[in-house]
Amino acid sequence: MRNLSLATTTSLASAHGHLLKLHALYEVAAIGGLGSMQVDRSKLFEQLDRRLELLGVFTDDKQYLLGLRRACMQLSG
Protein backbone atom coordinates (compact mmCIF):
# COMPACT_ATOMS: atom_id res chain seq x y z
CA MET A 1 0.00 0.00 0.00
CA ARG A 2 2.92 2.30 0.60
CA ASN A 3 3.69 2.44 -3.13
CA LEU A 4 0.14 3.48 -4.08
CA SER A 5 -0.03 7.22 -4.41
CA LEU A 6 -2.66 9.47 -5.93
CA ALA A 7 -0.63 9.73 -9.13
CA THR A 8 -0.25 5.96 -9.40
CA THR A 9 -3.91 5.16 -8.83
CA THR A 10 -5.02 7.94 -11.18
CA SER A 11 -2.69 6.58 -13.84
CA LEU A 12 -4.08 3.06 -13.40
CA ALA A 13 -7.65 4.34 -13.59
CA SER A 14 -6.94 6.26 -16.78
CA ALA A 15 -5.34 3.18 -18.36
CA HIS A 16 -8.34 0.95 -17.59
CA GLY A 17 -10.07 1.60 -20.90
CA HIS A 18 -6.93 0.84 -22.88
CA LEU A 19 -6.30 -2.34 -20.90
CA LEU A 20 -9.87 -3.48 -21.53
CA LYS A 21 -9.40 -2.96 -25.27
CA LEU A 22 -6.19 -5.00 -25.18
CA HIS A 23 -7.98 -7.71 -23.22
CA ALA A 24 -10.74 -7.79 -25.85
CA LEU A 25 -8.20 -7.91 -28.68
CA TYR A 26 -6.45 -10.86 -27.06
CA GLU A 27 -9.75 -12.75 -26.70
CA VAL A 28 -10.66 -12.15 -30.36
CA ALA A 29 -7.21 -13.28 -31.50
CA ALA A 30 -7.20 -16.36 -29.26
CA ILE A 31 -10.68 -17.50 -30.28
CA GLY A 32 -10.07 -16.60 -33.92
CA GLY A 33 -6.93 -18.74 -33.94
CA LEU A 34 -8.76 -21.88 -32.86
CA GLY A 35 -9.41 -22.97 -36.42
CA SER A 36 -5.86 -22.50 -37.68
CA MET A 37 -3.91 -24.06 -34.81
CA GLN A 38 -4.08 -27.24 -32.81
CA VAL A 39 -5.16 -25.68 -29.52
CA ASP A 40 -6.74 -27.48 -26.61
CA ARG A 41 -10.08 -25.67 -26.43
CA SER A 42 -10.68 -26.51 -22.77
CA LYS A 43 -7.29 -25.12 -21.73
CA LEU A 44 -7.85 -21.99 -23.80
CA PHE A 45 -11.22 -21.32 -22.19
CA GLU A 46 -9.79 -22.00 -18.73
CA GLN A 47 -7.15 -19.36 -19.46
CA LEU A 48 -9.74 -16.90 -20.77
CA ASP A 49 -11.90 -17.47 -17.69
CA ARG A 50 -8.92 -16.80 -15.39
CA ARG A 51 -8.25 -13.58 -17.29
CA LEU A 52 -11.90 -12.65 -16.86
CA GLU A 53 -11.65 -13.19 -13.09
CA LEU A 54 -8.84 -10.63 -12.95
CA LEU A 55 -11.38 -7.91 -13.75
CA GLY A 56 -12.82 -8.31 -10.26
CA VAL A 57 -15.88 -6.14 -9.68
CA PHE A 58 -16.05 -4.62 -13.16
CA THR A 59 -19.23 -6.48 -14.14
CA ASP A 60 -19.95 -4.25 -17.15
CA ASP A 61 -16.51 -5.09 -18.53
CA LYS A 62 -17.07 -8.80 -17.89
CA GLN A 63 -20.41 -8.69 -19.69
CA TYR A 64 -18.81 -6.88 -22.62
CA LEU A 65 -16.04 -9.47 -22.90
CA LEU A 66 -18.44 -12.40 -22.56
CA GLY A 67 -20.63 -10.94 -25.32
CA LEU A 68 -17.57 -10.47 -27.50
CA ARG A 69 -16.48 -14.03 -26.75
CA ARG A 70 -19.91 -15.38 -27.68
CA ALA A 71 -19.95 -13.45 -30.97
CA CYS A 72 -16.43 -14.67 -31.86
CA MET A 73 -17.37 -18.26 -31.18
CA GLN A 74 -20.50 -17.97 -33.32
CA LEU A 75 -18.52 -16.47 -36.19
CA SER A 76 -15.71 -19.01 -35.93
CA GLY A 77 -18.01 -21.92 -36.44
C-alpha atoms as a PDB file:
ATOM      1  CA  MET A   1       0.000   0.000   0.000  1.00  0.00           C
ATOM      2  CA  ARG A   2       2.924   2.296   0.602  1.00  0.00           C
ATOM      3  CA  ASN A   3       3.687   2.442  -3.131  1.00  0.00           C
ATOM      4  CA  LEU A   4       0.144   3.475  -4.082  1.00  0.00           C
ATOM      5  CA  SER A   5      -0.032   7.216  -4.412  1.00  0.00           C
ATOM      6  CA  LEU A   6      -2.662   9.469  -5.930  1.00  0.00           C
ATOM      7  CA  ALA A   7      -0.625   9.733  -9.133  1.00  0.00           C
ATOM      8  CA  THR A   8      -0.249   5.959  -9.398  1.00  0.00           C
ATOM      9  CA  THR A   9      -3.912   5.164  -8.832  1.00  0.00           C
ATOM     10  CA  THR A  10      -5.020   7.937 -11.178  1.00  0.00           C
ATOM     11  CA  SER A  11      -2.691   6.583 -13.836  1.00  0.00           C
ATOM     12  CA  LEU A  12      -4.076   3.057 -13.403  1.00  0.00           C
ATOM     13  CA  ALA A  13      -7.646   4.342 -13.589  1.00  0.00           C
ATOM     14  CA  SER A  14      -6.942   6.256 -16.775  1.00  0.00           C
ATOM     15  CA  ALA A  15      -5.336   3.180 -18.361  1.00  0.00           C
ATOM     16  CA  HIS A  16      -8.340   0.948 -17.593  1.00  0.00           C
ATOM     17  CA  GLY A  17     -10.074   1.598 -20.902  1.00  0.00           C
ATOM     18  CA  HIS A  18      -6.932   0.836 -22.879  1.00  0.00           C
ATOM     19  CA  LEU A  19      -6.299  -2.342 -20.899  1.00  0.00           C
ATOM     20  CA  LEU A  20      -9.867  -3.481 -21.528  1.00  0.00           C
ATOM     21  CA  LYS A  21      -9.402  -2.960 -25.269  1.00  0.00           C
ATOM     22  CA  LEU A  22      -6.188  -4.995 -25.183  1.00  0.00           C
ATOM     23  CA  HIS A  23      -7.978  -7.706 -23.216  1.00  0.00           C
ATOM     24  CA  ALA A  24     -10.741  -7.793 -25.851  1.00  0.00           C
ATOM     25  CA  LEU A  25      -8.203  -7.905 -28.681  1.00  0.00           C
ATOM     26  CA  TYR A  26      -6.453 -10.864 -27.057  1.00  0.00           C
ATOM     27  CA  GLU A  27      -9.748 -12.746 -26.704  1.00  0.00           C
ATOM     28  CA  VAL A  28     -10.660 -12.150 -30.358  1.00  0.00           C
ATOM     29  CA  ALA A  29      -7.205 -13.278 -31.504  1.00  0.00           C
ATOM     30  CA  ALA A  30      -7.202 -16.356 -29.260  1.00  0.00           C
ATOM     31  CA  ILE A  31     -10.677 -17.497 -30.282  1.00  0.00           C
ATOM     32  CA  GLY A  32     -10.072 -16.602 -33.920  1.00  0.00           C
ATOM     33  CA  GLY A  33      -6.931 -18.742 -33.935  1.00  0.00           C
ATOM     34  CA  LEU A  34      -8.764 -21.877 -32.858  1.00  0.00           C
ATOM     35  CA  GLY A  35      -9.411 -22.975 -36.423  1.00  0.00           C
ATOM     36  CA  SER A  36      -5.862 -22.499 -37.682  1.00  0.00           C
ATOM     37  CA  MET A  37      -3.912 -24.059 -34.809  1.00  0.00           C
ATOM     38  CA  GLN A  38      -4.081 -27.240 -32.807  1.00  0.00           C
ATOM     39  CA  VAL A  39      -5.165 -25.683 -29.520  1.00  0.00           C
ATOM     40  CA  ASP A  40      -6.742 -27.476 -26.609  1.00  0.00           C
ATOM     41  CA  ARG A  41     -10.084 -25.674 -26.425  1.00  0.00           C
ATOM     42  CA  SER A  42     -10.677 -26.513 -22.775  1.00  0.00           C
ATOM     43  CA  LYS A  43      -7.291 -25.116 -21.731  1.00  0.00           C
ATOM     44  CA  LEU A  44      -7.849 -21.989 -23.805  1.00  0.00           C
ATOM     45  CA  PHE A  45     -11.218 -21.321 -22.193  1.00  0.00           C
ATOM     46  CA  GLU A  46      -9.788 -21.998 -18.728  1.00  0.00           C
ATOM     47  CA  GLN A  47      -7.150 -19.362 -19.461  1.00  0.00           C
ATOM     48  CA  LEU A  48      -9.739 -16.900 -20.772  1.00  0.00           C
ATOM     49  CA  ASP A  49     -11.898 -17.472 -17.688  1.00  0.00           C
ATOM     50  CA  ARG A  50      -8.918 -16.802 -15.395  1.00  0.00           C
ATOM     51  CA  ARG A  51      -8.252 -13.577 -17.289  1.00  0.00           C
ATOM     52  CA  LEU A  52     -11.904 -12.651 -16.856  1.00  0.00           C
ATOM     53  CA  GLU A  53     -11.652 -13.190 -13.088  1.00  0.00           C
ATOM     54  CA  LEU A  54      -8.845 -10.628 -12.949  1.00  0.00           C
ATOM     55  CA  LEU A  55     -11.378  -7.914 -13.748  1.00  0.00           C
ATOM     56  CA  GLY A  56     -12.823  -8.311 -10.265  1.00  0.00           C
ATOM     57  CA  VAL A  57     -15.882  -6.138  -9.678  1.00  0.00           C
ATOM     58  CA  PHE A  58     -16.053  -4.616 -13.158  1.00  0.00           C
ATOM     59  CA  THR A  59     -19.231  -6.484 -14.143  1.00  0.00           C
ATOM     60  CA  ASP A  60     -19.946  -4.255 -17.150  1.00  0.00           C
ATOM     61  CA  ASP A  61     -16.507  -5.093 -18.533  1.00  0.00           C
ATOM     62  CA  LYS A  62     -17.075  -8.796 -17.886  1.00  0.00           C
ATOM     63  CA  GLN A  63     -20.414  -8.691 -19.693  1.00  0.00           C
ATOM     64  CA  TYR A  64     -18.812  -6.876 -22.618  1.00  0.00           C
ATOM     65  CA  LEU A  65     -16.036  -9.472 -22.904  1.00  0.00           C
ATOM     66  CA  LEU A  66     -18.439 -12.398 -22.561  1.00  0.00           C
ATOM     67  CA  GLY A  67     -20.630 -10.942 -25.320  1.00  0.00           C
ATOM     68  CA  LEU A  68     -17.574 -10.471 -27.498  1.00  0.00           C
ATOM     69  CA  ARG A  69     -16.476 -14.031 -26.754  1.00  0.00           C
ATOM     70  CA  ARG A  70     -19.909 -15.375 -27.679  1.00  0.00           C
ATOM     71  CA  ALA A  71     -19.945 -13.454 -30.967  1.00  0.00           C
ATOM     72  CA  CYS A  72     -16.428 -14.666 -31.861  1.00  0.00           C
ATOM     73  CA  MET A  73     -17.372 -18.265 -31.176  1.00  0.00           C
ATOM     74  CA  GLN A  74     -20.500 -17.971 -33.324  1.00  0.00           C
ATOM     75  CA  LEU A  75     -18.518 -16.473 -36.188  1.00  0.00           C
ATOM     76  CA  SER A  76     -15.707 -19.010 -35.929  1.00  0.00           C
ATOM     77  CA  GLY A  77     -18.007 -21.920 -36.436  1.00  0.00           C
END
